[in-house]
């Protein structure tokens, strides 16, 4: 009881006025009514969509003042949907009829798809910068880790039928000969950069780009373009 009274006493001098509470109630009412409660009554989509998961991700969109990055992060990381997944809603309205909150599910799925498509357009533009068109050859990826994996995933979305003439390099000898990204892409030693006649080398390291460039200076020629992969 003593502890409880001490906690309550923290608000002894708290006197924000009625306007404050009206504003809190207004935000609470409008915000909370927009959120899916996760009851899952909407399950059973005839087109196989997991409506509950999509609406939970839309909650993140609402929480973040409609920041698409939060929505996309939830879709791709929490629910593990592919980055290029478009949710094919046939607009039958079955989920909306089941929804106890009468949420505009169909419109929200459209918003989700718009966010996914905008992100894909940005990804394709970004990949064009690194890989040019699909006919560009002899491109190297240096530094095989989490960033390289992310770059590879984006590459495969934009160029699903292309896998040749991409070469992987890493200074870690333990990685040489392995194929961590694609079965046709094996990791080579930095000394093989000239052997494969690399025209562009994409360096996947967020913190040591300048240092790596200096290390590679004796291996690369003036005609080899060095680029840093940025998130």
Protein backbone atom coordinates (compact mmCIF):
# COMPACT_ATOMS: atom_id res chain seq x y z
CA UNK A 1 0.00 0.00 0.00
CA UNK A 2 2.86 2.36 0.82
CA UNK A 3 4.34 1.79 -2.63
CA UNK A 4 0.95 2.30 -4.29
CA UNK A 5 0.41 5.62 -2.47
CA UNK A 6 3.88 6.80 -3.53
CA UNK A 7 3.09 6.01 -7.14
CA UNK A 8 -0.23 7.80 -7.01
CA UNK A 9 1.35 10.85 -5.36
CA UNK A 10 3.42 11.38 -8.51
CA UNK A 11 0.29 12.94 -10.00
CA UNK A 12 -0.46 15.25 -7.07
CA UNK A 13 0.63 18.33 -9.02
CA UNK A 14 -0.64 17.11 -12.39
CA UNK A 15 -3.31 19.55 -13.54
CA UNK A 16 -3.38 19.70 -17.35
CA UNK A 17 -6.91 21.07 -17.66
CA UNK A 18 -9.97 19.72 -19.44
CA UNK A 19 -8.61 20.47 -22.94
CA UNK A 20 -5.88 17.91 -22.42
CA UNK A 21 -8.30 15.11 -21.57
CA UNK A 22 -10.61 16.02 -24.43
CA UNK A 23 -7.68 15.76 -26.84
CA UNK A 24 -6.60 12.39 -25.37
CA UNK A 25 -10.13 11.02 -25.66
CA UNK A 26 -10.47 12.28 -29.20
CA UNK A 27 -7.24 10.61 -30.30
CA UNK A 28 -8.06 7.45 -28.40
CA UNK A 29 -11.50 7.16 -29.95
CA UNK A 30 -10.46 7.87 -33.52
CA UNK A 31 -7.24 5.85 -33.33
CA UNK A 32 -8.46 2.76 -31.52
CA UNK A 33 -11.54 2.45 -33.68
CA UNK A 34 -9.23 2.22 -36.68
CA UNK A 35 -7.32 -0.77 -35.31
CA UNK A 36 -8.00 -4.43 -35.97
CA UNK A 37 -8.41 -6.33 -32.69
CA UNK A 38 -7.12 -9.58 -34.18
CA UNK A 39 -10.29 -11.54 -33.44
CA UNK A 40 -9.82 -13.48 -36.71
CA UNK A 41 -13.55 -13.63 -37.47
CA UNK A 42 -12.56 -12.58 -40.99
CA UNK A 43 -10.74 -15.86 -41.69
CA UNK A 44 -11.81 -18.06 -44.58
CA UNK A 45 -10.99 -15.78 -47.51
CA UNK A 46 -12.08 -17.62 -50.70
CA UNK A 47 -8.89 -16.41 -52.40
CA UNK A 48 -6.64 -17.64 -49.60
CA UNK A 49 -5.61 -14.29 -48.15
CA UNK A 50 -4.67 -14.24 -44.47
CA UNK A 51 -6.80 -11.21 -43.68
CA UNK A 52 -5.96 -11.15 -39.99
CA UNK A 53 -2.21 -10.88 -40.70
CA UNK A 54 -2.75 -8.14 -43.24
CA UNK A 55 -4.90 -6.14 -40.84
CA UNK A 56 -2.35 -6.56 -38.04
CA UNK A 57 0.27 -5.10 -40.37
CA UNK A 58 -2.11 -2.29 -41.21
CA UNK A 59 -2.26 -1.57 -37.46
CA UNK A 60 1.46 -0.81 -37.66
CA UNK A 61 0.68 1.58 -40.49
CA UNK A 62 -1.83 3.39 -38.24
CA UNK A 63 0.50 3.37 -35.20
CA UNK A 64 3.30 4.97 -37.24
CA UNK A 65 1.20 7.82 -38.66
CA UNK A 66 0.86 5.86 -41.91
CA UNK A 67 4.54 5.23 -42.47
CA UNK A 68 4.76 2.57 -45.24
CA UNK A 69 8.14 1.38 -43.96
CA UNK A 70 6.55 0.08 -40.75
CA UNK A 71 3.84 -1.66 -42.72
CA UNK A 72 6.31 -3.29 -45.11
CA UNK A 73 8.65 -4.31 -42.31
CA UNK A 74 5.78 -6.07 -40.58
CA UNK A 75 4.75 -7.88 -43.77
CA UNK A 76 8.25 -9.02 -44.71
CA UNK A 77 9.85 -9.65 -41.31
CA UNK A 78 7.03 -10.65 -38.99
CA UNK A 79 4.84 -12.56 -41.48
CA UNK A 80 7.65 -13.42 -43.93
CA UNK A 81 5.77 -12.42 -47.07
CA UNK A 82 7.98 -11.98 -50.13
CA UNK A 83 8.86 -8.39 -50.96
CA UNK A 84 7.08 -8.64 -54.32
CA UNK A 85 3.94 -10.31 -52.96
CA UNK A 86 0.78 -8.58 -54.17
CA UNK A 87 -2.35 -9.58 -52.26
CA UNK A 88 -4.96 -10.52 -54.83
CA UNK A 89 -8.25 -9.44 -53.29
CA UNK A 90 -11.31 -10.35 -55.36
CA UNK A 91 -13.43 -7.83 -53.40
CA UNK A 92 -16.11 -10.35 -52.53
CA UNK A 93 -16.77 -8.50 -49.25
CA UNK A 94 -16.98 -11.68 -47.19
CA UNK A 95 -14.37 -10.49 -44.67
CA UNK A 96 -16.09 -7.13 -44.21
CA UNK A 97 -19.40 -8.84 -43.47
CA UNK A 98 -17.70 -10.88 -40.74
CA UNK A 99 -15.77 -7.97 -39.23
CA UNK A 100 -17.33 -6.97 -35.89
CA UNK A 101 -15.71 -3.50 -36.16
CA UNK A 102 -16.96 -2.94 -39.71
CA UNK A 103 -13.46 -2.09 -40.89
CA UNK A 104 -12.96 -1.21 -44.59
CA UNK A 105 -10.84 -4.30 -45.20
CA UNK A 106 -10.94 -4.13 -49.00
CA UNK A 107 -9.70 -0.53 -49.05
CA UNK A 108 -6.97 -1.41 -46.58
CA UNK A 109 -5.74 -4.27 -48.75
CA UNK A 110 -5.62 -1.81 -51.66
CA UNK A 111 -3.51 0.52 -49.50
CA UNK A 112 -1.19 -2.37 -48.58
CA UNK A 113 -0.78 -3.31 -52.25
CA UNK A 114 -0.06 0.32 -53.17
CA UNK A 115 2.69 0.42 -50.53
CA UNK A 116 4.16 -2.85 -51.85
CA UNK A 117 4.08 -1.62 -55.45
CA UNK A 118 5.68 1.73 -54.55
CA UNK A 119 8.43 -0.16 -52.71
CA UNK A 120 8.98 -2.43 -55.73
CA UNK A 121 9.33 0.58 -58.03
CA UNK A 122 11.96 2.05 -55.71
CA UNK A 123 13.75 -1.31 -55.53
CA UNK A 124 13.85 -1.66 -59.33
CA UNK A 125 15.21 1.86 -59.68
CA UNK A 126 17.85 1.12 -57.05
CA UNK A 127 18.88 -2.16 -58.74
CA UNK A 128 19.18 -0.44 -62.11
CA UNK A 129 21.77 1.80 -60.54
CA UNK A 130 23.88 -1.18 -59.45
CA UNK A 131 23.27 -3.70 -62.20
CA UNK A 132 22.20 -1.59 -65.17
CA UNK A 133 19.93 -3.48 -67.53
CA UNK A 134 19.74 -7.29 -67.43
CA UNK A 135 22.34 -7.61 -70.20
CA UNK A 136 25.13 -6.00 -68.20
CA UNK A 137 27.91 -8.52 -67.56
CA UNK A 138 30.84 -9.13 -65.24
CA UNK A 139 29.63 -7.52 -62.04
CA UNK A 140 31.26 -8.40 -58.74
CA UNK A 141 29.81 -8.32 -55.22
CA UNK A 142 32.44 -7.88 -52.51
CA UNK A 143 31.84 -8.72 -48.84
CA UNK A 144 29.47 -11.66 -48.41
CA UNK A 145 27.27 -11.03 -45.39
CA UNK A 146 23.84 -9.71 -44.47
CA UNK A 147 24.04 -6.73 -46.85
CA UNK A 148 25.04 -8.96 -49.75
CA UNK A 149 22.12 -11.25 -48.97
CA UNK A 150 19.74 -8.28 -49.05
CA UNK A 151 21.25 -7.10 -52.34
CA UNK A 152 20.85 -10.59 -53.80
CA UNK A 153 17.18 -10.81 -52.77
CA UNK A 154 16.45 -7.49 -54.44
CA UNK A 155 18.41 -8.54 -57.51
CA UNK A 156 16.38 -11.74 -57.87
CA UNK A 157 13.12 -9.77 -57.67
CA UNK A 158 14.20 -7.46 -60.49
CA UNK A 159 16.10 -10.00 -62.59
CA UNK A 160 14.49 -13.40 -61.83
CA UNK A 161 15.91 -15.09 -64.94
CA UNK A 162 19.45 -13.75 -64.69
CA UNK A 163 22.14 -15.41 -62.60
CA UNK A 164 25.22 -15.61 -64.80
CA UNK A 165 28.19 -13.27 -64.91
CA UNK A 166 27.74 -12.21 -61.29
CA UNK A 167 30.79 -12.99 -59.16
CA UNK A 168 31.19 -12.98 -55.39
CA UNK A 169 34.38 -11.99 -53.57
CA UNK A 170 35.43 -12.00 -49.94
CA UNK A 171 38.76 -11.82 -48.17
CA UNK A 172 37.71 -14.52 -45.70
CA UNK A 173 39.34 -17.73 -46.95
CA UNK A 174 36.72 -19.85 -45.18
CA UNK A 175 34.08 -18.54 -47.59
CA UNK A 176 36.04 -19.30 -50.77
CA UNK A 177 34.32 -21.94 -52.89
CA UNK A 178 31.00 -21.70 -51.01
CA UNK A 179 27.72 -20.62 -52.62
CA UNK A 180 25.84 -18.74 -49.86
CA UNK A 181 23.57 -16.71 -52.15
CA UNK A 182 22.98 -18.76 -55.29
CA UNK A 183 24.21 -22.21 -56.29
CA UNK A 184 25.86 -20.75 -59.40
CA UNK A 185 27.52 -17.90 -57.51
CA UNK A 186 30.57 -19.18 -55.67
CA UNK A 187 32.76 -16.99 -53.50
CA UNK A 188 36.19 -16.19 -54.89
CA UNK A 189 39.33 -14.64 -53.47
CA UNK A 190 39.91 -10.92 -54.14
CA UNK A 191 42.84 -11.92 -56.33
CA UNK A 192 40.38 -13.30 -58.89
CA UNK A 193 38.80 -9.89 -59.57
CA UNK A 194 41.09 -9.26 -62.53
CA UNK A 195 40.79 -12.89 -63.71
CA UNK A 196 37.02 -12.56 -64.23
CA UNK A 197 37.41 -9.17 -65.94
CA UNK A 198 35.09 -7.44 -63.49
CA UNK A 199 33.72 -4.14 -64.81
CA UNK A 200 31.88 -3.05 -61.67
CA UNK A 201 32.49 -4.10 -58.08
CA UNK A 202 29.68 -3.52 -55.57
CA UNK A 203 31.05 -3.35 -52.04
CA UNK A 204 28.60 -4.54 -49.39
CA UNK A 205 30.00 -3.00 -46.26
CA UNK A 206 28.32 -0.11 -44.51
CA UNK A 207 31.23 0.95 -42.30
CA UNK A 208 34.53 0.26 -44.07
CA UNK A 209 34.01 1.26 -47.69
CA UNK A 210 37.01 3.61 -47.91
CA UNK A 211 39.25 1.11 -46.14
CA UNK A 212 38.19 -1.69 -48.51
CA UNK A 213 38.80 0.54 -51.53
CA UNK A 214 42.36 1.13 -50.32
CA UNK A 215 42.88 -2.61 -49.77
CA UNK A 216 41.70 -3.38 -53.29
CA UNK A 217 43.64 -0.60 -54.98
CA UNK A 218 46.43 -2.92 -56.11
CA UNK A 219 43.91 -5.38 -57.57
CA UNK A 220 41.52 -3.16 -59.46
CA UNK A 221 42.28 -1.23 -62.60
CA UNK A 222 41.02 2.19 -63.57
CA UNK A 223 38.33 0.61 -65.75
CA UNK A 224 36.76 -1.16 -62.76
CA UNK A 225 34.01 0.92 -61.18
CA UNK A 226 33.72 0.66 -57.40
CA UNK A 227 30.31 1.22 -55.84
CA UNK A 228 29.07 1.04 -52.26
CA UNK A 229 25.77 -0.74 -51.66
CA UNK A 230 23.57 1.47 -49.51
CA UNK A 231 20.36 0.44 -47.80
